[in-house]
Amino acid sequence: MTKLKACIYVRTSKLSQDYERQISDLKGYCEKKDFEIVSIISEKVSGL
């Protein structure tokens, strides 16, 4: 059976924040669901 493909998208609202925890949590979710991660997209966006 072919694995479903997934993209991970994470962002923070402040430049000083880190998104590594978000990536880690989402990778774990994908592993549990047997998804193939094809891309990880991350953004740091100012809340102003």
N, C-alpha and C. Protein backbone atom coordinates (compact mmCIF):
# COMPACT_ATOMS: atom_id res chain seq x y z
N MET A 1 0.85 -1.19 0.00
CA MET A 1 0.00 0.00 0.00
C MET A 1 0.89 1.25 0.00
N THR A 2 0.49 2.23 -0.78
CA THR A 2 1.24 3.48 -0.87
C THR A 2 0.93 4.35 0.34
N LYS A 3 1.98 4.94 0.91
CA LYS A 3 1.78 5.85 2.04
C LYS A 3 1.15 7.15 1.56
N LEU A 4 0.32 7.73 2.40
CA LEU A 4 -0.19 9.07 2.12
C LEU A 4 0.94 10.05 2.31
N LYS A 5 0.98 11.08 1.50
CA LYS A 5 2.03 12.10 1.58
C LYS A 5 1.53 13.27 2.41
N ALA A 6 2.45 13.87 3.15
CA ALA A 6 2.08 15.01 4.00
C ALA A 6 3.14 16.10 3.91
N CYS A 7 2.69 17.33 3.99
CA CYS A 7 3.58 18.49 4.13
C CYS A 7 3.35 19.04 5.52
N ILE A 8 4.42 19.45 6.16
CA ILE A 8 4.33 20.06 7.48
C ILE A 8 4.53 21.56 7.30
N TYR A 9 3.59 22.33 7.84
CA TYR A 9 3.69 23.80 7.80
C TYR A 9 3.66 24.31 9.23
N VAL A 10 4.68 25.06 9.62
CA VAL A 10 4.73 25.65 10.95
C VAL A 10 5.06 27.12 10.83
N ARG A 11 4.60 27.89 11.83
CA ARG A 11 4.93 29.32 11.84
C ARG A 11 4.93 29.82 13.26
N THR A 12 5.59 30.92 13.44
CA THR A 12 5.54 31.64 14.71
C THR A 12 5.10 33.06 14.41
N SER A 13 4.54 33.71 15.41
CA SER A 13 4.09 35.08 15.20
C SER A 13 5.15 36.10 15.59
N LYS A 14 6.19 35.64 16.27
CA LYS A 14 7.28 36.53 16.67
C LYS A 14 8.60 35.98 16.17
N LEU A 15 9.48 36.86 15.76
CA LEU A 15 10.78 36.44 15.26
C LEU A 15 11.61 35.74 16.33
N SER A 16 11.38 36.07 17.59
CA SER A 16 12.17 35.49 18.68
C SER A 16 11.71 34.08 19.07
N GLN A 17 10.56 33.64 18.58
CA GLN A 17 10.04 32.32 18.93
C GLN A 17 10.68 31.23 18.08
N ASP A 18 10.64 30.00 18.59
CA ASP A 18 11.20 28.86 17.89
C ASP A 18 10.07 27.89 17.51
N TYR A 19 10.18 27.26 16.36
CA TYR A 19 9.14 26.35 15.91
C TYR A 19 9.60 24.89 15.90
N GLU A 20 10.74 24.58 16.48
CA GLU A 20 11.24 23.20 16.48
C GLU A 20 10.29 22.23 17.19
N ARG A 21 9.64 22.68 18.25
CA ARG A 21 8.69 21.83 18.97
C ARG A 21 7.50 21.46 18.08
N GLN A 22 7.02 22.44 17.31
CA GLN A 22 5.92 22.17 16.39
C GLN A 22 6.32 21.10 15.37
N ILE A 23 7.51 21.24 14.82
CA ILE A 23 8.00 20.28 13.82
C ILE A 23 8.10 18.90 14.44
N SER A 24 8.67 18.81 15.63
CA SER A 24 8.84 17.53 16.31
C SER A 24 7.48 16.86 16.56
N ASP A 25 6.52 17.63 17.06
CA ASP A 25 5.19 17.07 17.33
C ASP A 25 4.52 16.58 16.05
N LEU A 26 4.62 17.35 14.99
CA LEU A 26 3.98 16.97 13.73
C LEU A 26 4.67 15.78 13.07
N LYS A 27 5.99 15.69 13.20
CA LYS A 27 6.69 14.51 12.69
C LYS A 27 6.22 13.26 13.43
N GLY A 28 6.06 13.36 14.74
CA GLY A 28 5.57 12.24 15.52
C GLY A 28 4.18 11.82 15.10
N TYR A 29 3.32 12.78 14.85
CA TYR A 29 1.96 12.48 14.38
C TYR A 29 1.99 11.75 13.05
N CYS A 30 2.83 12.24 12.14
CA CYS A 30 2.93 11.62 10.82
C CYS A 30 3.46 10.19 10.92
N GLU A 31 4.40 9.96 11.81
CA GLU A 31 4.92 8.61 12.01
C GLU A 31 3.82 7.68 12.53
N LYS A 32 3.03 8.14 13.49
CA LYS A 32 1.94 7.32 14.02
C LYS A 32 0.92 6.97 12.95
N LYS A 33 0.65 7.90 12.06
CA LYS A 33 -0.35 7.70 11.01
C LYS A 33 0.25 7.07 9.76
N ASP A 34 1.55 6.83 9.77
CA ASP A 34 2.28 6.24 8.64
C ASP A 34 2.22 7.12 7.39
N PHE A 35 2.33 8.43 7.58
CA PHE A 35 2.39 9.38 6.47
C PHE A 35 3.83 9.56 6.04
N GLU A 36 4.04 9.80 4.76
CA GLU A 36 5.36 10.13 4.24
C GLU A 36 5.49 11.66 4.19
N ILE A 37 6.42 12.22 4.92
CA ILE A 37 6.63 13.67 4.91
C ILE A 37 7.43 14.03 3.67
N VAL A 38 6.86 14.87 2.82
CA VAL A 38 7.52 15.24 1.58
C VAL A 38 8.10 16.65 1.63
N SER A 39 7.65 17.45 2.60
CA SER A 39 8.14 18.82 2.69
C SER A 39 7.86 19.37 4.08
N ILE A 40 8.77 20.21 4.56
CA ILE A 40 8.56 20.95 5.80
C ILE A 40 8.74 22.42 5.47
N ILE A 41 7.70 23.19 5.71
CA ILE A 41 7.70 24.62 5.42
C ILE A 41 7.60 25.36 6.74
N SER A 42 8.46 26.35 6.95
CA SER A 42 8.43 27.10 8.20
C SER A 42 8.54 28.59 7.92
N GLU A 43 7.86 29.37 8.76
CA GLU A 43 7.87 30.82 8.63
C GLU A 43 7.99 31.47 10.00
N LYS A 44 8.69 32.55 10.05
CA LYS A 44 8.69 33.42 11.23
C LYS A 44 8.11 34.74 10.76
N VAL A 45 6.98 35.12 11.34
CA VAL A 45 6.25 36.29 10.89
C VAL A 45 6.10 37.24 12.07
N SER A 46 6.37 38.48 11.84
CA SER A 46 6.20 39.48 12.89
C SER A 46 4.72 39.68 13.16
N GLY A 47 4.36 39.80 14.42
CA GLY A 47 2.98 40.03 14.79
C GLY A 47 2.55 41.48 14.61
N LEU A 48 3.41 42.31 14.13
CA LEU A 48 3.07 43.73 13.92
C LEU A 48 2.32 43.97 12.65
